[in-house]
Amino acid sequence: MEFVGRERELERLRLRLDEVRRSGRGAFISMRGRRRVGKSRLVEEFVRGSDCPHVFYTAVQEGLARELDRFLAAVGNSDAPAADLVRAGAGADTWEAALGLAVRGASQDRPLILVLDEFPYLVERDPSIEAVLQALWDRTVQAAPVLLILIGSDVATMESLTQSRRPLYDRPREMVLDPLSPADIADMLGLSAADALDAYLIIGGFPVLALEWGAGRSRRSYLAAALDDPSSFLVISAERALAAEFPAAAHPRVVLNAVGSESRANRELLQRTQMNNQTLGSALGVLVGKGVVERRTPYSSRAAPQTKQYVVSDPYMRFWLGFIGPNMDLIERGRGQLLATTIEERWLTYRGRAIEPIVRDAVERRLPASSFGDARYVGDYWTRNHAVQVDLVGGDTRPLARSVSFLGSVKWRQRSPFSRIDSAELARGRAHVPGTDASTRLVGVSRAGFDEDAGVDVQVGPDDLIDAYRS
């Protein structure tokens, strides 16, 4: 499969390897990111272009003895200097001995790259491996020409590895691999800004899905083909990611399904899941902790902690939970075109809401900017009864704004431009959002352009949103 993008991340890895070559001393990287975001592929591409011996081992949630055997086999099948020793019969009964064996013979002119993929699986089986790795680093690898890379998809576990009082605290440099941006997707697929944002709302920033989509392909064409194939990446990637972390009947998975069906408030989730407050709160805590769900509160100059909502963090997962997951039976029975028709019927409504977090993120990336006043952050505002809802609120501080510099409205219609009626509706929000006054600017965001008398201070279109991700 073609490797695309990630030049910035590749350069970071190359710089660490150059440090090892110059100093003859070890470097340590801890890489985390969501499943299917391309972590393993990135490191494989880096290793391929490094001209260095390497050992690439991936844990698979087997027993510790089996994992150790598999690691030694990976060493024996590699081009590392220690491979000859393993093939000649050298073995190890402990992880400390096995890891020590793997790094033998590394040289400054050709450092060894040692990769431990899905490291959280090993931690889950035996938490003492953190201390083993710490001891190996402190006593051996730190002074050797070795680049040690840990990779993990369990973001919460990978984050916790380097916290204070954990064995690996203050040792590896942390590297977070985010999904590709909407600008990356636009470049990969060769689509206009508006169409690329549509694609992003379906596949998110996952390289494997973008490659499946294919350059120049329309949304309808891609969905028709992907939903007709039960083994397409669009269909299976989310299910595999969820199965790896949340059993189907477990409380977090049940709650995630509810959030994905657009049940956002605590009251709605209680009603849909039939859980009690304690069980629901515990499940939501797991989902928020893993970064799958985001807990949000209205953004203004006044706190509203009880008016919180929960939303699915990733665009692809949100699309999958809203459309594909509940209709897997149709796809498996060869009736995926029925689902494609349903998606088409609901697409404009779905897109209108799903684009809002992308817009907020893109606008925030443009700040500070004189046209947006003193704002540094962007959120949205709503009241508990939803009588007032404002798509964009630009403030100077977080979690509360001392002052609100702008309010914005997102009108992501297919053909109708942003109009004077839309700006008048937005202007009425100045009387209801705490921290605003008559000088608070109005920002319009539109897919289909703006009327000449649109009546907003700042106009933002699809090209502006994509460009925000290029800076």
Protein backbone atom coordinates (compact mmCIF):
# COMPACT_ATOMS: atom_id res chain seq x y z
CA MET A 1 0.00 0.00 0.00
CA GLU A 2 1.33 3.43 -0.95
CA PHE A 3 2.73 5.52 1.89
CA VAL A 4 1.66 9.16 1.81
CA GLY A 5 2.22 12.26 3.94
CA ARG A 6 3.70 12.27 7.45
CA GLU A 7 6.85 14.12 6.37
CA ARG A 8 6.97 16.08 9.62
CA GLU A 9 6.76 12.92 11.71
CA LEU A 10 9.34 11.12 9.58
CA GLU A 11 11.71 14.04 10.04
CA ARG A 12 11.32 13.86 13.83
CA LEU A 13 12.27 10.19 13.76
CA ARG A 14 15.25 10.90 11.49
CA LEU A 15 16.48 13.60 13.86
CA ARG A 16 16.43 11.17 16.79
CA LEU A 17 18.37 8.61 14.75
CA ASP A 18 20.90 11.28 13.73
CA GLU A 19 21.43 12.05 17.42
CA VAL A 20 22.27 8.40 18.03
CA ARG A 21 24.71 8.38 15.12
CA ARG A 22 26.46 11.53 16.32
CA SER A 23 26.68 10.66 20.00
CA GLY A 24 26.79 6.87 20.01
CA ARG A 25 24.21 7.01 22.81
CA GLY A 26 20.66 5.74 22.89
CA ALA A 27 17.43 7.58 22.12
CA PHE A 28 14.00 6.58 23.40
CA ILE A 29 10.61 7.41 21.81
CA SER A 30 7.12 6.61 23.06
CA MET A 31 4.60 6.92 20.19
CA ARG A 32 0.87 6.87 20.72
CA GLY A 33 -2.19 7.42 18.57
CA ARG A 34 -5.56 5.94 17.77
CA ARG A 35 -5.89 2.61 16.05
CA ARG A 36 -5.60 2.68 12.26
CA VAL A 37 -3.97 6.10 12.32
CA GLY A 38 -0.80 4.71 10.74
CA LYS A 39 1.70 4.44 13.60
CA SER A 40 3.16 1.07 12.63
CA ARG A 41 3.24 1.99 8.97
CA LEU A 42 5.02 5.25 9.75
CA VAL A 43 7.73 3.47 11.74
CA GLU A 44 8.06 0.79 9.06
CA GLU A 45 8.58 3.50 6.45
CA PHE A 46 11.16 5.20 8.67
CA VAL A 47 13.02 1.95 9.27
CA ARG A 48 12.98 1.14 5.56
CA GLY A 49 14.74 4.40 4.72
CA SER A 50 17.18 4.37 7.63
CA ASP A 51 19.80 1.91 6.34
CA CYS A 52 20.05 0.54 9.88
CA PRO A 53 19.49 -2.94 11.32
CA HIS A 54 16.26 -3.25 13.19
CA VAL A 55 14.01 -5.53 15.21
CA PHE A 56 10.26 -4.90 14.81
CA TYR A 57 8.17 -6.83 17.33
CA THR A 58 4.38 -6.59 17.71
CA ALA A 59 2.67 -7.94 20.84
CA VAL A 60 -0.56 -9.88 20.22
CA GLN A 61 -2.13 -10.42 23.67
CA GLU A 62 -0.86 -13.96 24.16
CA GLY A 63 0.60 -15.46 27.34
CA LEU A 64 3.89 -14.02 28.57
CA ALA A 65 5.91 -17.11 27.69
CA ARG A 66 4.51 -17.10 24.16
CA GLU A 67 5.15 -13.35 23.77
CA LEU A 68 8.77 -13.87 24.85
CA ASP A 69 9.19 -16.68 22.31
CA ARG A 70 7.74 -14.49 19.59
CA PHE A 71 10.07 -11.64 20.49
CA LEU A 72 13.13 -13.90 20.28
CA ALA A 73 11.86 -15.19 16.93
CA ALA A 74 11.56 -11.60 15.72
CA VAL A 75 15.18 -11.00 16.73
CA GLY A 76 16.30 -14.18 14.98
CA ASN A 77 14.47 -13.22 11.78
CA SER A 78 15.84 -9.67 11.75
CA ASP A 79 19.03 -8.14 10.39
CA ALA A 80 20.19 -7.11 13.87
CA PRO A 81 23.71 -8.16 14.91
CA ALA A 82 22.18 -10.38 17.61
CA ALA A 83 20.18 -12.35 15.03
CA ASP A 84 23.11 -14.73 14.42
CA LEU A 85 23.31 -15.47 18.15
CA VAL A 86 19.60 -16.35 18.30
CA ARG A 87 19.78 -18.49 15.18
CA ALA A 88 22.76 -20.29 16.73
CA GLY A 89 20.67 -21.20 19.75
CA ALA A 90 21.04 -18.28 22.18
CA GLY A 91 17.89 -17.79 24.22
CA ALA A 92 16.50 -15.95 27.22
CA ASP A 93 14.14 -16.86 30.01
CA THR A 94 13.19 -13.31 31.00
CA TRP A 95 12.29 -10.10 29.20
CA GLU A 96 15.30 -8.37 30.71
CA ALA A 97 17.64 -11.00 29.24
CA ALA A 98 15.80 -11.04 25.90
CA LEU A 99 15.88 -7.28 25.46
CA GLY A 100 19.52 -7.20 26.50
CA LEU A 101 20.30 -9.87 23.93
CA ALA A 102 18.45 -7.97 21.18
CA VAL A 103 20.63 -4.85 21.45
CA ARG A 104 23.98 -6.65 21.44
CA GLY A 105 26.40 -5.64 18.71
CA ALA A 106 24.86 -2.27 17.84
CA SER A 107 27.45 0.11 16.37
CA GLN A 108 27.57 3.89 16.08
CA ASP A 109 27.86 3.90 12.29
CA ARG A 110 24.81 1.61 11.97
CA PRO A 111 22.68 1.99 15.12
CA LEU A 112 20.05 -0.60 15.97
CA ILE A 113 16.38 0.37 15.83
CA LEU A 114 14.35 -1.68 18.33
CA VAL A 115 10.57 -1.36 17.96
CA LEU A 116 8.06 -2.73 20.47
CA ASP A 117 4.63 -2.32 18.88
CA GLU A 118 1.38 -2.55 20.89
CA PHE A 119 3.42 -2.22 24.06
CA PRO A 120 0.26 -1.78 26.23
CA TYR A 121 -0.55 -5.46 25.57
CA LEU A 122 2.67 -6.44 27.36
CA VAL A 123 1.94 -4.04 30.22
CA GLU A 124 -1.54 -5.53 30.56
CA ARG A 125 -0.08 -9.04 30.85
CA ASP A 126 2.80 -8.10 33.11
CA PRO A 127 3.01 -4.56 34.56
CA SER A 128 6.55 -5.32 35.76
CA ILE A 129 7.80 -4.98 32.18
CA GLU A 130 7.84 -1.22 32.69
CA ALA A 131 10.45 -1.63 35.43
CA VAL A 132 12.34 -4.15 33.30
CA LEU A 133 12.51 -1.70 30.42
CA GLN A 134 13.51 1.12 32.74
CA ALA A 135 16.38 -0.93 34.16
CA LEU A 136 17.51 -1.97 30.69
CA TRP A 137 17.46 1.64 29.49
CA ASP A 138 19.31 2.99 32.52
CA ARG A 139 21.99 0.28 32.61
CA THR A 140 22.51 -0.62 28.96
CA VAL A 141 20.57 1.02 26.14
CA GLN A 142 21.02 4.64 27.20
CA ALA A 143 24.77 4.30 26.66
CA ALA A 144 24.48 2.22 23.46
CA PRO A 145 23.81 3.23 19.82
CA VAL A 146 20.17 2.11 19.92
CA LEU A 147 16.95 3.90 19.00
CA LEU A 148 14.20 2.34 21.12
CA ILE A 149 10.61 2.98 19.98
CA LEU A 150 7.50 1.98 21.91
CA ILE A 151 4.19 2.12 20.01
CA GLY A 152 0.72 1.90 21.50
CA SER A 153 -2.89 2.36 20.42
CA ASP A 154 -4.25 2.44 23.96
CA VAL A 155 -3.71 6.16 24.31
CA ALA A 156 -4.55 6.31 28.02
CA THR A 157 -2.03 3.56 28.87
CA MET A 158 0.69 5.13 26.74
CA GLU A 159 0.12 8.52 28.35
CA SER A 160 0.31 7.02 31.83
CA LEU A 161 3.62 5.26 31.18
CA THR A 162 5.60 8.46 31.51
CA GLN A 163 3.74 9.96 34.45
CA SER A 164 5.59 10.65 37.70
CA ARG A 165 6.14 7.65 39.97
CA ARG A 166 5.97 5.29 36.98
CA PRO A 167 9.20 3.43 36.08
CA LEU A 168 9.59 5.12 32.68
CA TYR A 169 8.97 8.63 33.96
CA ASP A 170 11.12 11.26 32.21
CA ARG A 171 12.84 8.74 29.95
CA PRO A 172 11.23 8.51 26.48
CA ARG A 173 10.39 11.50 24.32
CA GLU A 174 6.67 11.37 23.67
CA MET A 175 5.36 11.49 20.12
CA VAL A 176 1.64 11.74 19.36
CA LEU A 177 0.47 10.66 15.93
CA ASP A 178 -2.80 12.39 15.13
CA PRO A 179 -5.10 11.46 12.27
CA LEU A 180 -4.43 13.20 8.98
CA SER A 181 -5.88 16.70 8.71
CA PRO A 182 -8.64 17.79 6.31
CA ALA A 183 -5.91 19.46 4.23
CA ASP A 184 -4.04 16.14 3.99
CA ILE A 185 -7.25 14.43 2.89
CA ALA A 186 -7.86 17.14 0.27
CA ASP A 187 -4.37 16.64 -1.13
CA MET A 188 -4.57 12.85 -1.12
CA LEU A 189 -7.98 12.66 -2.78
CA GLY A 190 -7.54 15.58 -5.18
CA LEU A 191 -10.89 17.06 -4.16
CA SER A 192 -12.13 20.62 -3.82
CA ALA A 193 -12.13 22.01 -0.29
CA ALA A 194 -15.88 21.51 0.13
CA ASP A 195 -15.82 17.94 -1.16
CA ALA A 196 -12.72 17.10 0.88
CA LEU A 197 -14.50 18.25 4.03
CA ASP A 198 -17.41 15.98 3.10
CA ALA A 199 -14.96 13.10 2.77
CA TYR A 200 -13.38 13.97 6.12
CA LEU A 201 -16.76 13.73 7.83
CA ILE A 202 -17.00 10.13 6.59
CA ILE A 203 -13.46 8.73 6.84
CA GLY A 204 -11.83 11.13 9.27
CA GLY A 205 -8.06 11.32 8.98
CA PHE A 206 -7.28 7.63 8.63
CA PRO A 207 -4.81 6.89 5.80
CA VAL A 208 -6.16 3.42 5.06
CA LEU A 209 -9.64 4.85 4.47
CA ALA A 210 -8.32 7.67 2.31
CA LEU A 211 -6.43 5.19 0.15
CA GLU A 212 -9.58 3.08 -0.15
CA TRP A 213 -11.54 6.19 -1.18
CA GLY A 214 -9.12 6.94 -4.02
CA ALA A 215 -8.18 10.17 -5.77
CA GLY A 216 -10.93 12.13 -7.48
CA ARG A 217 -13.74 9.84 -6.40
CA SER A 218 -17.12 11.25 -5.42
CA ARG A 219 -18.79 10.65 -2.08
CA ARG A 220 -21.65 8.68 -3.65
CA SER A 221 -19.29 6.50 -5.66
CA TYR A 222 -17.16 5.65 -2.63
CA LEU A 223 -20.09 4.86 -0.35
CA ALA A 224 -21.80 2.75 -2.98
CA ALA A 225 -18.71 0.56 -3.34
CA ALA A 226 -17.67 0.46 0.32
CA LEU A 227 -21.14 -0.38 1.65
CA ASP A 228 -21.49 -3.15 -0.93
CA ASP A 229 -18.42 -4.90 0.51
CA PRO A 230 -18.64 -6.25 4.10
CA SER A 231 -14.82 -6.39 4.21
CA SER A 232 -14.21 -2.78 3.14
CA PHE A 233 -12.09 -0.71 5.50
CA LEU A 234 -14.99 1.72 5.97
CA VAL A 235 -17.09 -1.12 7.37
CA ILE A 236 -14.56 -3.07 9.42
CA SER A 237 -12.02 -0.56 10.76
CA ALA A 238 -14.19 0.96 13.47
CA GLU A 239 -15.53 -2.42 14.61
CA ARG A 240 -12.01 -3.81 14.95
CA ALA A 241 -10.85 -0.76 16.88
CA LEU A 242 -13.82 -0.97 19.24
CA ALA A 243 -13.54 -4.73 19.72
CA ALA A 244 -9.92 -4.30 20.78
CA GLU A 245 -10.90 -1.97 23.62
CA PHE A 246 -14.57 -2.43 24.45
CA PRO A 247 -16.41 -5.77 24.52
CA ALA A 248 -19.76 -5.44 22.78
CA ALA A 249 -21.87 -5.89 25.91
CA ALA A 250 -19.65 -3.86 28.26
CA HIS A 251 -21.08 -0.65 29.68
CA PRO A 252 -18.66 1.71 27.85
CA ARG A 253 -19.60 0.19 24.48
CA VAL A 254 -23.32 0.48 25.25
CA VAL A 255 -22.88 4.13 26.23
CA LEU A 256 -20.73 4.84 23.17
CA ASN A 257 -23.47 3.47 20.93
CA ALA A 258 -25.92 5.83 22.63
CA VAL A 259 -23.65 8.85 22.21
CA GLY A 260 -23.12 7.87 18.59
CA SER A 261 -26.86 7.92 18.04
CA GLU A 262 -26.80 11.63 18.95
CA SER A 263 -27.88 11.17 22.58
CA ARG A 264 -25.71 13.89 24.07
CA ALA A 265 -27.05 15.04 27.43
CA ASN A 266 -26.81 13.02 30.63
CA ARG A 267 -30.61 12.76 30.85
CA GLU A 268 -30.86 11.38 27.30
CA LEU A 269 -28.12 8.84 27.94
CA LEU A 270 -29.77 7.62 31.13
CA GLN A 271 -33.02 7.12 29.26
CA ARG A 272 -31.45 5.37 26.27
CA THR A 273 -29.10 3.05 28.18
CA GLN A 274 -31.39 2.37 31.17
CA MET A 275 -28.36 2.65 33.46
CA ASN A 276 -28.19 4.33 36.83
CA ASN A 277 -26.17 7.51 37.34
CA GLN A 278 -23.18 5.74 38.85
CA THR A 279 -22.86 3.12 36.10
CA LEU A 280 -23.34 5.72 33.37
CA GLY A 281 -20.79 8.04 34.97
CA SER A 282 -18.23 5.26 35.24
CA ALA A 283 -18.69 4.25 31.59
CA LEU A 284 -18.45 7.85 30.41
CA GLY A 285 -15.29 8.27 32.46
CA VAL A 286 -13.70 5.35 30.60
CA LEU A 287 -14.73 6.72 27.20
CA VAL A 288 -13.52 10.24 27.98
CA GLY A 289 -10.28 8.90 29.46
CA LYS A 290 -9.54 6.97 26.28
CA GLY A 291 -10.30 10.00 24.11
CA VAL A 292 -13.17 8.29 22.30
CA VAL A 293 -15.79 10.67 23.68
CA GLU A 294 -15.40 14.36 24.52
CA ARG A 295 -17.14 15.99 27.47
CA ARG A 296 -18.15 19.53 26.56
CA THR A 297 -19.71 22.48 28.37
CA PRO A 298 -21.00 25.81 26.96
CA TYR A 299 -18.20 28.33 26.36
CA SER A 300 -18.74 31.89 27.57
CA SER A 301 -17.70 34.10 30.46
CA ARG A 302 -19.97 32.20 32.85
CA ALA A 303 -19.51 28.61 34.01
CA ALA A 304 -22.27 26.10 33.26
CA PRO A 305 -20.91 22.77 34.51
CA GLN A 306 -24.32 21.13 34.68
CA THR A 307 -25.12 21.88 31.02
CA LYS A 308 -22.65 19.36 29.66
CA GLN A 309 -22.87 17.25 26.56
CA TYR A 310 -20.98 14.21 25.28
CA VAL A 311 -19.93 13.84 21.65
CA VAL A 312 -17.91 11.26 19.72
CA SER A 313 -14.44 12.73 19.23
CA ASP A 314 -13.52 11.30 15.82
CA PRO A 315 -15.48 12.08 12.60
CA TYR A 316 -15.14 8.57 11.17
CA MET A 317 -16.24 6.91 14.39
CA ARG A 318 -19.18 9.27 14.63
CA PHE A 319 -20.24 8.41 11.06
CA TRP A 320 -19.77 4.70 11.67
CA LEU A 321 -21.78 4.73 14.91
CA GLY A 322 -24.53 6.80 13.32
CA PHE A 323 -24.94 4.81 10.12
CA ILE A 324 -22.86 1.66 9.70
CA GLY A 325 -22.74 0.00 13.11
CA PRO A 326 -26.54 -0.13 13.57
CA ASN A 327 -26.98 -1.48 10.02
CA MET A 328 -24.31 -4.16 9.78
CA ASP A 329 -26.99 -6.74 9.06
CA LEU A 330 -27.91 -4.94 5.83
CA ILE A 331 -24.30 -4.87 4.67
CA GLU A 332 -23.71 -8.52 5.55
CA ARG A 333 -26.87 -9.53 3.65
CA GLY A 334 -25.70 -7.73 0.54
CA ARG A 335 -28.19 -4.88 0.99
CA GLY A 336 -25.65 -2.13 1.54
CA GLN A 337 -27.27 -0.03 -1.19
CA LEU A 338 -30.31 0.41 1.05
CA LEU A 339 -28.02 1.94 3.64
CA ALA A 340 -26.38 4.11 0.98
CA THR A 341 -29.84 5.45 0.10
CA THR A 342 -30.59 6.16 3.76
CA ILE A 343 -27.30 8.02 4.16
CA GLU A 344 -28.06 10.10 1.08
CA GLU A 345 -31.48 11.03 2.43
CA ARG A 346 -30.04 12.10 5.79
CA TRP A 347 -26.74 13.47 4.57
CA LEU A 348 -27.46 17.20 4.51
CA THR A 349 -28.88 17.17 8.04
CA TYR A 350 -26.06 14.99 9.36
CA ARG A 351 -23.38 17.06 7.64
CA GLY A 352 -24.76 20.32 9.02
CA ARG A 353 -24.07 19.22 12.59
CA ALA A 354 -21.00 17.07 12.00
CA ILE A 355 -19.07 19.92 10.34
CA GLU A 356 -19.34 22.20 13.38
CA PRO A 357 -16.43 20.76 15.45
CA ILE A 358 -14.23 20.81 12.34
CA VAL A 359 -15.08 24.48 11.82
CA ARG A 360 -14.32 25.34 15.45
CA ASP A 361 -10.96 23.62 15.27
CA ALA A 362 -10.06 25.28 11.95
CA VAL A 363 -11.03 28.76 13.09
CA GLU A 364 -9.08 28.33 16.33
CA ARG A 365 -6.02 27.40 14.26
CA ARG A 366 -6.24 30.82 12.59
CA LEU A 367 -6.07 32.66 15.92
CA PRO A 368 -4.79 35.11 16.92
CA ALA A 369 -5.91 37.24 14.00
CA SER A 370 -6.96 40.88 14.02
CA SER A 371 -10.19 40.14 12.17
CA PHE A 372 -11.29 37.92 15.06
CA GLY A 373 -10.45 40.43 17.80
CA ASP A 374 -8.68 39.21 20.95
CA ALA A 375 -9.94 35.64 20.68
CA ARG A 376 -7.52 32.76 21.19
CA TYR A 377 -9.99 29.91 21.67
CA VAL A 378 -13.23 28.77 20.06
CA GLY A 379 -16.14 26.90 21.58
CA ASP A 380 -19.90 26.94 21.28
CA TYR A 381 -22.77 27.91 23.54
CA TRP A 382 -26.14 26.43 24.37
CA THR A 383 -28.68 26.61 27.14
CA ARG A 384 -30.07 23.56 28.86
CA ASN A 385 -33.40 23.85 27.09
CA HIS A 386 -31.60 24.61 23.78
CA ALA A 387 -33.58 27.83 23.38
CA VAL A 388 -30.24 29.48 22.60
CA GLN A 389 -27.59 27.73 20.49
CA VAL A 390 -24.55 29.48 19.00
CA ASP A 391 -22.15 27.49 16.83
CA LEU A 392 -18.99 29.54 17.44
CA VAL A 393 -17.90 31.54 20.45
CA GLY A 394 -14.46 33.15 20.39
CA GLY A 395 -12.89 33.98 23.74
CA ASP A 396 -9.54 35.04 25.18
CA THR A 397 -9.06 32.43 27.94
CA ARG A 398 -10.09 28.89 28.89
CA PRO A 399 -12.03 27.22 30.43
CA LEU A 400 -13.95 30.49 30.80
CA ALA A 401 -13.61 33.56 28.63
CA ARG A 402 -12.95 36.89 30.31
CA SER A 403 -14.48 38.48 27.25
CA VAL A 404 -16.11 37.14 24.09
CA SER A 405 -14.68 38.63 20.90
CA PHE A 406 -16.98 37.01 18.35
CA LEU A 407 -20.02 34.82 17.81
CA GLY A 408 -20.33 32.69 14.71
CA SER A 409 -22.92 30.73 12.78
CA VAL A 410 -22.25 27.72 10.52
CA LYS A 411 -24.61 27.40 7.53
CA TRP A 412 -23.31 24.40 5.60
CA ARG A 413 -26.05 24.31 3.00
CA GLN A 414 -25.53 22.82 -0.44
CA ARG A 415 -26.69 25.83 -2.48
CA SER A 416 -28.17 28.62 -0.38
CA PRO A 417 -25.58 31.25 0.61
CA PHE A 418 -25.27 32.86 4.02
CA SER A 419 -27.91 35.58 4.14
CA ARG A 420 -28.94 38.68 6.06
CA ILE A 421 -31.55 36.55 7.81
CA ASP A 422 -28.79 34.25 9.09
CA SER A 423 -26.73 37.15 10.42
CA ALA A 424 -29.78 38.68 12.12
CA GLU A 425 -30.44 35.39 13.87
CA LEU A 426 -26.80 35.29 14.98
CA ALA A 427 -26.90 38.90 16.20
CA ARG A 428 -29.75 38.03 18.55
CA GLY A 429 -27.34 35.70 20.34
CA ARG A 430 -25.40 38.69 21.64
CA ALA A 431 -28.17 39.30 24.14
CA HIS A 432 -27.94 35.75 25.53
CA VAL A 433 -24.28 34.67 25.56
CA PRO A 434 -22.49 35.84 28.74
CA GLY A 435 -19.47 38.04 27.99
CA THR A 436 -20.80 39.63 24.81
CA ASP A 437 -21.80 43.22 24.08
CA ALA A 438 -22.71 45.35 21.09
CA SER A 439 -19.09 45.28 19.87
CA THR A 440 -18.91 41.48 19.70
CA ARG A 441 -18.12 40.58 16.11
CA LEU A 442 -20.21 38.31 13.94
CA VAL A 443 -18.60 35.49 11.94
CA GLY A 444 -20.37 33.62 9.17
CA VAL A 445 -19.27 30.21 7.92
CA SER A 446 -20.83 28.98 4.70
CA ARG A 447 -20.31 26.18 2.20
CA ALA A 448 -22.22 28.00 -0.53
CA GLY A 449 -20.86 31.54 -0.23
CA PHE A 450 -22.42 34.76 1.05
CA ASP A 451 -25.03 37.23 -0.11
CA GLU A 452 -23.73 40.72 -0.79
CA ASP A 453 -25.57 42.04 2.27
CA ALA A 454 -24.79 39.04 4.49
CA GLY A 455 -24.15 41.36 7.41
CA VAL A 456 -21.23 39.60 9.10
CA ASP A 457 -17.81 41.00 10.03
CA VAL A 458 -15.87 37.89 8.93
CA GLN A 459 -16.73 35.44 6.16
CA VAL A 460 -15.28 31.91 6.22
CA GLY A 461 -15.64 29.38 3.43
CA PRO A 462 -14.39 25.85 2.69
CA ASP A 463 -11.06 27.04 1.27
CA ASP A 464 -10.40 29.07 4.44
CA LEU A 465 -11.03 26.01 6.60
CA ILE A 466 -8.68 23.81 4.58
CA ASP A 467 -6.00 26.53 4.51
CA ALA A 468 -6.13 26.74 8.31
CA TYR A 469 -4.70 23.21 8.43
CA ARG A 470 -1.82 24.07 6.12
CA SER A 471 -0.18 26.69 8.35
